[in-house]
N, C-alpha and C. Protein backbone atom coordinates (compact mmCIF):
# COMPACT_ATOMS: atom_id res chain seq x y z
N UNK A 1 41.36 32.50 17.57
CA UNK A 1 40.54 32.34 18.77
C UNK A 1 39.07 32.61 18.43
N UNK A 2 38.19 31.70 18.80
CA UNK A 2 36.79 31.95 18.49
C UNK A 2 36.16 32.83 19.58
N UNK A 3 35.23 33.68 19.14
CA UNK A 3 34.57 34.57 20.08
C UNK A 3 33.48 33.81 20.83
N UNK A 4 33.64 33.73 22.14
CA UNK A 4 32.71 32.99 22.99
C UNK A 4 32.14 33.93 24.04
N UNK A 5 30.82 33.92 24.20
CA UNK A 5 30.16 34.75 25.20
C UNK A 5 29.32 33.86 26.10
N UNK A 6 29.50 34.01 27.40
CA UNK A 6 28.71 33.28 28.39
C UNK A 6 27.61 34.19 28.91
N UNK A 7 26.38 33.69 28.94
CA UNK A 7 25.25 34.41 29.47
C UNK A 7 24.90 33.84 30.84
N UNK A 8 24.95 34.68 31.86
CA UNK A 8 24.52 34.29 33.20
C UNK A 8 23.17 34.97 33.47
N UNK A 9 22.15 34.24 33.92
CA UNK A 9 20.86 34.89 34.21
C UNK A 9 20.94 35.97 35.28
N UNK A 10 21.81 35.80 36.28
CA UNK A 10 21.90 36.77 37.37
C UNK A 10 23.35 37.18 37.61
N UNK A 11 23.52 38.35 38.20
CA UNK A 11 24.86 38.82 38.55
C UNK A 11 25.51 37.90 39.58
N UNK A 12 24.69 37.32 40.47
CA UNK A 12 25.22 36.41 41.49
C UNK A 12 25.92 35.22 40.84
N UNK A 13 25.36 34.69 39.76
CA UNK A 13 25.95 33.54 39.10
C UNK A 13 27.24 33.91 38.35
N UNK A 14 27.38 35.19 38.01
CA UNK A 14 28.54 35.63 37.23
C UNK A 14 29.74 36.02 38.09
N UNK A 15 29.50 36.36 39.36
CA UNK A 15 30.57 36.88 40.21
C UNK A 15 31.71 35.87 40.33
N UNK A 16 32.91 36.34 40.01
CA UNK A 16 34.10 35.51 40.13
C UNK A 16 34.45 34.73 38.89
N UNK A 17 33.60 34.75 37.86
CA UNK A 17 33.92 33.99 36.65
C UNK A 17 34.96 34.73 35.81
N UNK A 18 35.95 34.00 35.37
CA UNK A 18 36.97 34.55 34.47
C UNK A 18 37.58 33.40 33.69
N UNK A 19 37.74 33.61 32.38
CA UNK A 19 38.39 32.62 31.53
C UNK A 19 39.03 33.38 30.38
N UNK A 20 40.29 33.09 30.05
CA UNK A 20 41.00 33.86 29.03
C UNK A 20 40.24 33.92 27.69
N UNK A 21 40.01 35.12 27.23
CA UNK A 21 39.40 35.33 25.92
C UNK A 21 37.90 35.15 25.86
N UNK A 22 37.26 34.86 27.00
CA UNK A 22 35.82 34.61 27.02
C UNK A 22 35.11 35.80 27.67
N UNK A 23 34.12 36.34 26.97
CA UNK A 23 33.31 37.44 27.49
C UNK A 23 32.11 36.87 28.24
N UNK A 24 31.52 37.68 29.11
CA UNK A 24 30.27 37.25 29.74
C UNK A 24 29.38 38.46 29.98
N UNK A 25 28.07 38.18 30.03
CA UNK A 25 27.09 39.22 30.32
C UNK A 25 26.04 38.63 31.27
N UNK A 26 25.31 39.51 31.94
CA UNK A 26 24.15 39.11 32.73
C UNK A 26 22.93 39.30 31.84
N UNK A 27 22.25 38.21 31.55
CA UNK A 27 21.19 38.24 30.53
C UNK A 27 19.80 38.46 31.08
N UNK A 28 19.62 38.24 32.39
CA UNK A 28 18.30 38.42 32.98
C UNK A 28 17.61 37.10 33.25
N UNK A 29 16.73 37.10 34.25
CA UNK A 29 16.03 35.89 34.66
C UNK A 29 14.76 35.71 33.84
N UNK A 30 14.49 34.48 33.45
CA UNK A 30 13.22 34.16 32.82
C UNK A 30 13.27 34.09 31.31
N UNK A 31 12.18 33.58 30.75
CA UNK A 31 12.08 33.34 29.32
C UNK A 31 12.16 34.62 28.50
N UNK A 32 11.41 35.65 28.89
CA UNK A 32 11.36 36.87 28.08
C UNK A 32 12.72 37.56 28.03
N UNK A 33 13.33 37.76 29.19
CA UNK A 33 14.63 38.44 29.23
C UNK A 33 15.67 37.66 28.43
N UNK A 34 15.64 36.34 28.56
CA UNK A 34 16.63 35.52 27.87
C UNK A 34 16.42 35.56 26.36
N UNK A 35 15.18 35.51 25.91
CA UNK A 35 14.90 35.57 24.47
C UNK A 35 15.38 36.89 23.88
N UNK A 36 15.10 37.99 24.57
CA UNK A 36 15.51 39.30 24.07
C UNK A 36 17.02 39.43 24.03
N UNK A 37 17.68 39.09 25.13
CA UNK A 37 19.13 39.22 25.20
C UNK A 37 19.82 38.32 24.18
N UNK A 38 19.37 37.09 24.07
CA UNK A 38 20.00 36.15 23.14
C UNK A 38 19.85 36.63 21.71
N UNK A 39 18.65 37.06 21.34
CA UNK A 39 18.42 37.54 19.98
C UNK A 39 19.28 38.76 19.68
N UNK A 40 19.39 39.67 20.65
CA UNK A 40 20.23 40.85 20.45
C UNK A 40 21.68 40.47 20.24
N UNK A 41 22.18 39.54 21.05
CA UNK A 41 23.57 39.11 20.91
C UNK A 41 23.84 38.46 19.56
N UNK A 42 22.90 37.65 19.10
CA UNK A 42 23.06 36.99 17.81
C UNK A 42 23.25 38.01 16.69
N UNK A 43 22.49 39.09 16.76
CA UNK A 43 22.49 40.07 15.67
C UNK A 43 23.56 41.15 15.82
N UNK A 44 24.06 41.37 17.03
CA UNK A 44 25.00 42.47 17.22
C UNK A 44 26.43 42.05 17.54
N UNK A 45 26.62 40.86 18.09
CA UNK A 45 27.95 40.49 18.57
C UNK A 45 28.66 39.46 17.70
N UNK A 46 27.91 38.77 16.84
CA UNK A 46 28.52 37.81 15.91
C UNK A 46 29.46 36.84 16.63
N UNK A 47 28.98 36.27 17.70
CA UNK A 47 29.80 35.32 18.46
C UNK A 47 29.87 33.98 17.73
N UNK A 48 30.99 33.29 17.90
CA UNK A 48 31.10 31.93 17.36
C UNK A 48 30.33 30.94 18.24
N UNK A 49 30.24 31.27 19.53
CA UNK A 49 29.57 30.37 20.46
C UNK A 49 28.95 31.16 21.60
N UNK A 50 27.67 30.89 21.88
CA UNK A 50 27.01 31.42 23.07
C UNK A 50 26.80 30.27 24.05
N UNK A 51 27.07 30.54 25.32
CA UNK A 51 26.85 29.53 26.36
C UNK A 51 25.96 30.14 27.45
N UNK A 52 24.83 29.53 27.69
CA UNK A 52 23.99 29.91 28.82
C UNK A 52 24.45 29.11 30.03
N UNK A 53 24.72 29.79 31.14
CA UNK A 53 25.26 29.11 32.32
C UNK A 53 24.53 29.59 33.57
N UNK A 54 24.00 28.65 34.34
CA UNK A 54 23.30 29.04 35.55
C UNK A 54 23.05 27.85 36.46
N UNK A 55 22.32 28.12 37.52
CA UNK A 55 21.99 27.06 38.48
C UNK A 55 20.65 26.43 38.09
N UNK A 56 20.36 25.28 38.68
CA UNK A 56 19.14 24.54 38.33
C UNK A 56 18.71 23.68 39.50
N UNK A 57 17.45 23.28 39.47
CA UNK A 57 16.94 22.32 40.43
C UNK A 57 16.99 20.92 39.84
N UNK A 58 17.11 19.91 40.69
CA UNK A 58 17.20 18.52 40.23
C UNK A 58 15.95 17.75 40.66
N UNK A 59 15.39 16.95 39.74
CA UNK A 59 14.20 16.15 40.05
C UNK A 59 14.59 14.89 40.83
N UNK A 60 13.68 14.38 41.65
CA UNK A 60 14.01 13.26 42.54
C UNK A 60 14.53 12.01 41.84
N UNK A 61 14.04 11.70 40.64
CA UNK A 61 14.46 10.47 39.95
C UNK A 61 15.69 10.66 39.07
N UNK A 62 16.27 11.84 39.10
CA UNK A 62 17.45 12.11 38.28
C UNK A 62 18.70 11.51 38.93
N UNK A 63 19.68 11.12 38.12
CA UNK A 63 20.93 10.63 38.70
C UNK A 63 21.82 11.75 39.24
N UNK A 64 21.47 13.00 38.95
CA UNK A 64 22.27 14.13 39.40
C UNK A 64 21.95 14.48 40.86
N UNK A 65 22.92 15.14 41.50
CA UNK A 65 22.75 15.57 42.88
C UNK A 65 23.16 17.03 43.01
N UNK A 66 22.78 17.66 44.11
CA UNK A 66 23.19 19.03 44.37
C UNK A 66 24.71 19.12 44.32
N UNK A 67 25.21 20.09 43.57
CA UNK A 67 26.65 20.26 43.40
C UNK A 67 27.16 19.75 42.07
N UNK A 68 26.39 18.88 41.40
CA UNK A 68 26.81 18.36 40.10
C UNK A 68 26.66 19.43 39.02
N UNK A 69 27.40 19.26 37.94
CA UNK A 69 27.34 20.17 36.79
C UNK A 69 27.03 19.33 35.55
N UNK A 70 26.16 19.84 34.69
CA UNK A 70 25.75 19.09 33.51
C UNK A 70 25.72 20.00 32.28
N UNK A 71 25.94 19.38 31.14
CA UNK A 71 25.73 20.02 29.84
C UNK A 71 24.33 19.64 29.39
N UNK A 72 23.52 20.63 29.04
CA UNK A 72 22.10 20.39 28.75
C UNK A 72 21.93 19.95 27.30
N UNK A 73 21.37 18.76 27.12
CA UNK A 73 21.16 18.21 25.78
C UNK A 73 19.83 18.64 25.18
N UNK A 74 18.83 18.88 26.04
CA UNK A 74 17.51 19.29 25.53
C UNK A 74 16.80 20.14 26.56
N UNK A 75 15.89 20.97 26.06
CA UNK A 75 15.05 21.82 26.90
C UNK A 75 13.59 21.68 26.46
N UNK A 76 12.70 21.63 27.44
CA UNK A 76 11.26 21.62 27.18
C UNK A 76 10.63 22.84 27.82
N UNK A 77 9.85 23.58 27.05
CA UNK A 77 9.10 24.72 27.59
C UNK A 77 7.91 24.13 28.34
N UNK A 78 8.15 23.68 29.56
CA UNK A 78 7.31 22.69 30.22
C UNK A 78 5.95 23.19 30.69
N UNK A 79 5.78 24.50 30.89
CA UNK A 79 4.48 24.97 31.34
C UNK A 79 3.74 25.76 30.25
N UNK A 80 4.09 25.49 28.99
CA UNK A 80 3.38 26.09 27.86
C UNK A 80 2.23 25.18 27.48
N UNK A 81 1.02 25.56 27.85
CA UNK A 81 -0.12 24.69 27.57
C UNK A 81 -1.37 25.15 28.27
N UNK A 82 -2.27 24.19 28.55
CA UNK A 82 -3.57 24.50 29.10
C UNK A 82 -3.90 23.57 30.27
N UNK A 83 -4.50 24.15 31.30
CA UNK A 83 -5.09 23.35 32.36
C UNK A 83 -6.52 22.98 31.96
N UNK A 84 -6.95 21.79 32.36
CA UNK A 84 -8.32 21.34 32.11
C UNK A 84 -8.74 20.45 33.28
N UNK A 85 -9.95 19.92 33.23
CA UNK A 85 -10.47 19.16 34.38
C UNK A 85 -9.61 17.96 34.73
N UNK A 86 -8.95 17.39 33.74
CA UNK A 86 -8.14 16.20 33.98
C UNK A 86 -6.68 16.50 34.26
N UNK A 87 -6.33 17.78 34.29
CA UNK A 87 -4.94 18.14 34.58
C UNK A 87 -4.39 19.18 33.64
N UNK A 88 -3.21 18.92 33.10
CA UNK A 88 -2.50 19.88 32.25
C UNK A 88 -2.03 19.17 30.99
N UNK A 89 -2.15 19.85 29.85
CA UNK A 89 -1.64 19.33 28.58
C UNK A 89 -0.69 20.33 27.96
N UNK A 90 0.46 19.84 27.54
CA UNK A 90 1.42 20.69 26.85
C UNK A 90 0.85 21.08 25.50
N UNK A 91 1.19 22.29 25.05
CA UNK A 91 0.63 22.81 23.81
C UNK A 91 0.97 21.94 22.60
N UNK A 92 2.10 21.23 22.67
CA UNK A 92 2.47 20.35 21.56
C UNK A 92 1.51 19.17 21.42
N UNK A 93 0.71 18.91 22.46
CA UNK A 93 -0.22 17.78 22.45
C UNK A 93 -1.65 18.19 22.08
N UNK A 94 -1.87 19.48 21.82
CA UNK A 94 -3.22 20.00 21.62
C UNK A 94 -3.38 20.49 20.19
N UNK A 95 -4.48 20.09 19.54
CA UNK A 95 -4.81 20.59 18.20
C UNK A 95 -5.82 21.72 18.35
N UNK A 96 -5.34 22.94 18.18
CA UNK A 96 -6.21 24.12 18.32
C UNK A 96 -6.86 24.50 17.00
N UNK A 97 -6.51 23.79 15.92
CA UNK A 97 -7.05 24.14 14.62
C UNK A 97 -6.59 25.49 14.13
N UNK A 98 -5.41 25.92 14.57
CA UNK A 98 -4.91 27.26 14.22
C UNK A 98 -3.55 27.19 13.53
N UNK A 99 -3.16 26.01 13.05
CA UNK A 99 -1.88 25.84 12.35
C UNK A 99 -0.72 26.29 13.23
N UNK A 100 -0.80 25.98 14.54
CA UNK A 100 0.27 26.30 15.48
C UNK A 100 1.14 25.06 15.66
N UNK A 101 2.44 25.22 15.45
CA UNK A 101 3.36 24.11 15.62
C UNK A 101 4.27 24.42 16.80
N UNK A 102 4.19 23.63 17.84
CA UNK A 102 5.01 23.80 19.04
C UNK A 102 5.80 22.51 19.25
N UNK A 103 7.12 22.58 19.24
CA UNK A 103 7.88 21.35 19.45
C UNK A 103 7.74 20.86 20.89
N UNK A 104 7.68 19.53 21.08
CA UNK A 104 7.62 19.02 22.46
C UNK A 104 8.89 19.32 23.24
N UNK A 105 10.01 19.48 22.52
CA UNK A 105 11.25 19.86 23.18
C UNK A 105 12.22 20.41 22.14
N UNK A 106 13.24 21.11 22.62
CA UNK A 106 14.31 21.63 21.78
C UNK A 106 15.59 20.85 22.08
N UNK A 107 16.22 20.34 21.04
CA UNK A 107 17.48 19.60 21.20
C UNK A 107 18.66 20.46 20.77
N UNK A 108 19.77 20.31 21.47
CA UNK A 108 20.98 21.04 21.11
C UNK A 108 21.76 20.24 20.07
N UNK A 109 21.96 20.80 18.86
CA UNK A 109 22.70 20.08 17.81
C UNK A 109 24.20 20.31 17.86
N UNK A 110 24.68 21.01 18.87
CA UNK A 110 26.09 21.41 18.91
C UNK A 110 26.87 20.73 20.04
N UNK A 111 26.34 19.66 20.59
CA UNK A 111 27.03 18.99 21.69
C UNK A 111 28.38 18.45 21.21
N UNK A 112 29.45 18.75 21.92
CA UNK A 112 30.77 18.24 21.52
C UNK A 112 30.88 16.74 21.75
N UNK A 113 31.74 16.09 20.98
CA UNK A 113 31.92 14.65 21.13
C UNK A 113 32.51 14.31 22.49
N UNK A 114 33.35 15.18 22.99
CA UNK A 114 33.98 14.94 24.30
C UNK A 114 33.84 16.18 25.18
N UNK A 115 32.66 16.41 25.75
CA UNK A 115 32.44 17.63 26.54
C UNK A 115 33.04 17.56 27.93
N UNK A 116 33.36 16.36 28.41
CA UNK A 116 33.88 16.15 29.77
C UNK A 116 32.88 16.56 30.84
N UNK A 117 31.61 16.69 30.46
CA UNK A 117 30.53 16.94 31.41
C UNK A 117 29.38 15.98 31.06
N UNK A 118 28.66 15.48 32.06
CA UNK A 118 27.52 14.60 31.76
C UNK A 118 26.38 15.38 31.12
N UNK A 119 25.56 14.70 30.33
CA UNK A 119 24.44 15.33 29.65
C UNK A 119 23.17 15.22 30.49
N UNK A 120 22.36 16.28 30.44
CA UNK A 120 21.10 16.30 31.17
C UNK A 120 19.99 16.80 30.26
N UNK A 121 18.76 16.37 30.56
CA UNK A 121 17.57 16.88 29.90
C UNK A 121 16.83 17.77 30.89
N UNK A 122 16.34 18.91 30.40
CA UNK A 122 15.85 19.95 31.31
C UNK A 122 14.47 20.45 30.96
N UNK A 123 13.70 20.81 31.97
CA UNK A 123 12.47 21.58 31.82
C UNK A 123 12.76 23.05 32.05
N UNK A 124 12.12 23.91 31.26
CA UNK A 124 12.13 25.35 31.54
C UNK A 124 10.75 25.73 32.05
N UNK A 125 10.70 26.45 33.18
CA UNK A 125 9.45 26.80 33.82
C UNK A 125 9.43 28.27 34.22
N UNK A 126 8.27 28.89 34.12
CA UNK A 126 8.12 30.24 34.64
C UNK A 126 8.05 30.23 36.17
N UNK A 127 7.54 29.16 36.73
CA UNK A 127 7.45 29.02 38.19
C UNK A 127 8.15 27.73 38.58
N UNK A 128 9.23 27.85 39.36
CA UNK A 128 9.96 26.67 39.80
C UNK A 128 9.08 25.75 40.63
N UNK A 129 9.39 24.47 40.59
CA UNK A 129 8.71 23.45 41.39
C UNK A 129 7.25 23.25 40.98
N UNK A 130 6.89 23.65 39.75
CA UNK A 130 5.51 23.51 39.29
C UNK A 130 5.09 22.04 39.29
N UNK A 131 4.00 21.70 39.98
CA UNK A 131 3.62 20.29 40.11
C UNK A 131 3.02 19.68 38.85
N UNK A 132 2.62 20.51 37.88
CA UNK A 132 1.96 19.99 36.68
C UNK A 132 2.94 19.63 35.56
N UNK A 133 4.21 20.00 35.70
CA UNK A 133 5.17 19.76 34.63
C UNK A 133 5.50 18.27 34.53
N UNK A 134 5.54 17.76 33.31
CA UNK A 134 5.92 16.36 33.09
C UNK A 134 7.41 16.21 33.33
N UNK A 135 7.80 15.21 34.09
CA UNK A 135 9.21 15.06 34.46
C UNK A 135 9.80 13.71 34.03
N UNK A 136 9.03 12.89 33.34
CA UNK A 136 9.55 11.61 32.88
C UNK A 136 10.70 11.84 31.90
N UNK A 137 11.85 11.28 32.19
CA UNK A 137 13.01 11.45 31.33
C UNK A 137 13.69 12.79 31.45
N UNK A 138 13.26 13.61 32.42
CA UNK A 138 13.82 14.94 32.63
C UNK A 138 14.64 14.93 33.92
N UNK A 139 15.80 15.56 33.88
CA UNK A 139 16.70 15.55 35.04
C UNK A 139 16.60 16.79 35.90
N UNK A 140 16.50 17.97 35.25
CA UNK A 140 16.63 19.22 35.98
C UNK A 140 15.61 20.24 35.49
N UNK A 141 15.50 21.36 36.21
CA UNK A 141 14.63 22.45 35.78
C UNK A 141 15.33 23.79 35.95
N UNK A 142 14.96 24.73 35.06
CA UNK A 142 15.48 26.09 35.15
C UNK A 142 14.44 27.04 34.58
N UNK A 143 14.78 28.32 34.44
CA UNK A 143 13.80 29.31 34.01
C UNK A 143 14.15 30.00 32.68
N UNK A 144 15.21 29.57 32.02
CA UNK A 144 15.65 30.29 30.81
C UNK A 144 15.94 29.42 29.59
N UNK A 145 16.25 28.16 29.80
CA UNK A 145 16.85 27.35 28.75
C UNK A 145 16.08 27.24 27.45
N UNK A 146 14.77 27.01 27.52
CA UNK A 146 13.99 26.83 26.29
C UNK A 146 14.02 28.08 25.42
N UNK A 147 13.94 29.25 26.03
CA UNK A 147 14.00 30.50 25.26
C UNK A 147 15.36 30.65 24.59
N UNK A 148 16.41 30.30 25.30
CA UNK A 148 17.76 30.37 24.76
C UNK A 148 17.92 29.41 23.59
N UNK A 149 17.50 28.15 23.76
CA UNK A 149 17.58 27.17 22.68
C UNK A 149 16.79 27.65 21.46
N UNK A 150 15.56 28.11 21.68
CA UNK A 150 14.69 28.53 20.58
C UNK A 150 15.32 29.69 19.81
N UNK A 151 15.79 30.71 20.52
CA UNK A 151 16.38 31.88 19.86
C UNK A 151 17.62 31.49 19.07
N UNK A 152 18.46 30.64 19.63
CA UNK A 152 19.69 30.23 18.94
C UNK A 152 19.38 29.37 17.72
N UNK A 153 18.44 28.45 17.84
CA UNK A 153 18.07 27.61 16.71
C UNK A 153 17.48 28.44 15.58
N UNK A 154 16.62 29.39 15.92
CA UNK A 154 16.02 30.25 14.90
C UNK A 154 17.06 31.17 14.27
N UNK A 155 18.05 31.59 15.05
CA UNK A 155 19.06 32.53 14.56
C UNK A 155 20.28 31.89 13.94
N UNK A 156 20.30 30.56 13.88
CA UNK A 156 21.46 29.87 13.30
C UNK A 156 22.73 30.05 14.12
N UNK A 157 22.56 30.17 15.43
CA UNK A 157 23.68 30.44 16.33
C UNK A 157 24.17 29.15 16.99
N UNK A 158 25.46 28.91 16.98
CA UNK A 158 26.03 27.79 17.72
C UNK A 158 25.91 28.10 19.21
N UNK A 159 25.48 27.11 20.00
CA UNK A 159 25.21 27.37 21.41
C UNK A 159 25.37 26.11 22.24
N UNK A 160 25.54 26.33 23.55
CA UNK A 160 25.56 25.28 24.55
C UNK A 160 24.95 25.83 25.84
N UNK A 161 24.57 24.95 26.73
CA UNK A 161 24.05 25.37 28.04
C UNK A 161 24.66 24.49 29.12
N UNK A 162 25.12 25.14 30.20
CA UNK A 162 25.70 24.44 31.34
C UNK A 162 24.89 24.81 32.59
N UNK A 163 24.57 23.80 33.38
CA UNK A 163 23.82 24.03 34.62
C UNK A 163 24.48 23.32 35.78
N UNK A 164 24.54 24.00 36.93
CA UNK A 164 24.99 23.40 38.18
C UNK A 164 23.79 23.25 39.10
N UNK A 165 23.72 22.12 39.78
CA UNK A 165 22.55 21.82 40.61
C UNK A 165 22.67 22.52 41.96
N UNK A 166 21.69 23.36 42.27
CA UNK A 166 21.70 24.14 43.51
C UNK A 166 20.69 23.65 44.53
N UNK A 167 19.69 22.87 44.07
CA UNK A 167 18.59 22.50 44.97
C UNK A 167 17.84 21.30 44.42
N UNK A 168 17.07 20.67 45.30
CA UNK A 168 16.15 19.62 44.89
C UNK A 168 14.85 20.28 44.44
N UNK A 169 14.31 19.82 43.31
CA UNK A 169 13.09 20.41 42.75
C UNK A 169 11.86 19.75 43.35
N UNK A 170 11.69 19.94 44.65
CA UNK A 170 10.54 19.41 45.39
C UNK A 170 10.08 20.48 46.37
N UNK A 171 8.79 20.44 46.68
CA UNK A 171 8.27 21.36 47.69
C UNK A 171 8.94 21.05 49.03
N UNK A 172 9.18 22.09 49.82
CA UNK A 172 9.84 21.94 51.12
C UNK A 172 11.24 21.36 51.00
N UNK A 173 11.93 21.75 49.93
CA UNK A 173 13.29 21.27 49.72
C UNK A 173 14.24 21.93 50.72
N UNK A 174 15.40 21.32 50.95
CA UNK A 174 16.41 21.96 51.81
C UNK A 174 16.86 23.30 51.20
N UNK A 175 17.53 24.14 51.95
CA UNK A 175 17.99 25.43 51.42
C UNK A 175 18.86 25.26 50.17
N UNK A 176 18.73 26.21 49.25
CA UNK A 176 19.53 26.18 48.02
C UNK A 176 21.01 26.41 48.37
N UNK A 177 21.87 25.68 47.71
CA UNK A 177 23.31 25.85 47.90
C UNK A 177 23.84 26.79 46.82
N UNK A 178 23.63 28.07 47.03
CA UNK A 178 24.06 29.05 46.02
C UNK A 178 25.58 29.08 45.88
N UNK A 179 26.28 29.24 46.97
CA UNK A 179 27.73 29.38 46.90
C UNK A 179 28.39 28.15 46.30
N UNK A 180 28.01 26.98 46.79
CA UNK A 180 28.62 25.76 46.29
C UNK A 180 28.30 25.48 44.84
N UNK A 181 27.03 25.70 44.45
CA UNK A 181 26.65 25.41 43.07
C UNK A 181 27.27 26.40 42.09
N UNK A 182 27.42 27.65 42.49
CA UNK A 182 28.04 28.63 41.59
C UNK A 182 29.53 28.34 41.43
N UNK A 183 30.19 27.93 42.50
CA UNK A 183 31.59 27.52 42.39
C UNK A 183 31.70 26.32 41.45
N UNK A 184 30.78 25.37 41.57
CA UNK A 184 30.77 24.21 40.68
C UNK A 184 30.49 24.62 39.24
N UNK A 185 29.60 25.58 39.07
CA UNK A 185 29.26 26.08 37.74
C UNK A 185 30.49 26.65 37.04
N UNK A 186 31.25 27.48 37.74
CA UNK A 186 32.43 28.10 37.15
C UNK A 186 33.50 27.05 36.83
N UNK A 187 33.63 26.07 37.71
CA UNK A 187 34.59 24.99 37.44
C UNK A 187 34.14 24.18 36.22
N UNK A 188 32.85 23.87 36.14
CA UNK A 188 32.34 23.12 35.00
C UNK A 188 32.51 23.87 33.69
N UNK A 189 32.29 25.17 33.74
CA UNK A 189 32.50 26.01 32.54
C UNK A 189 33.96 25.93 32.09
N UNK A 190 34.87 26.01 33.04
CA UNK A 190 36.29 25.94 32.69
C UNK A 190 36.63 24.59 32.06
N UNK A 191 36.07 23.51 32.60
CA UNK A 191 36.30 22.18 32.03
C UNK A 191 35.80 22.12 30.59
N UNK A 192 34.59 22.64 30.37
CA UNK A 192 34.03 22.65 29.02
C UNK A 192 34.84 23.51 28.07
N UNK A 193 35.19 24.71 28.50
CA UNK A 193 35.95 25.62 27.65
C UNK A 193 37.33 25.06 27.33
N UNK A 194 37.95 24.40 28.29
CA UNK A 194 39.22 23.73 28.03
C UNK A 194 39.05 22.66 26.96
N UNK A 195 37.97 21.90 27.07
CA UNK A 195 37.73 20.81 26.10
C UNK A 195 37.48 21.37 24.71
N UNK A 196 36.82 22.53 24.65
CA UNK A 196 36.54 23.16 23.36
C UNK A 196 37.72 23.94 22.81
N UNK A 197 38.73 24.17 23.65
CA UNK A 197 39.93 24.90 23.27
C UNK A 197 39.57 26.28 22.69
N UNK A 198 38.68 26.99 23.39
CA UNK A 198 38.19 28.27 22.85
C UNK A 198 39.25 29.36 22.87
N UNK A 199 40.28 29.22 23.69
CA UNK A 199 41.30 30.29 23.79
C UNK A 199 42.46 30.08 22.83
N UNK A 200 42.37 29.04 21.98
CA UNK A 200 43.47 28.76 21.06
C UNK A 200 43.15 29.26 19.66
């Protein structure tokens, strides 16, 4: 049996989750908490697989809807950059002359051939619904994914991320569907874990 640990950003997202042989922890909300927790787990727990699981907002042009569950194929640290008179530029687009290399996005190299969940591309933001974030080709947004991807890639850790859609990522959106999206999240996790046969 491979050791699998699921990271939930909040206790609310973790309540009621159970899967044979799978551990879970509450990792904390946001980039900093996620980076610290993920790095600690990589070095202390020696897991075969880490899975970040939480809720997310969906962009208007995405094919996903509230209640859907997706496996995240890529994350962009979408508000890392500079504002200027003409708008906002991502740090990957700016030459600061300081030998700084910032990837435009992080891709997950561990996607299973048959995950039984649709793939999504995601923005990670410190502030949800940020109007300056580029959304072309992006389906959803969250607050932790890019830090998780970065820490796992740097640490040589096998990882995946699952997100359930709780809200529309627009100003004046309808109320978030916490209960429904968390139930969908746990169901989606079970589908993925069954496909990965982690308990065998």
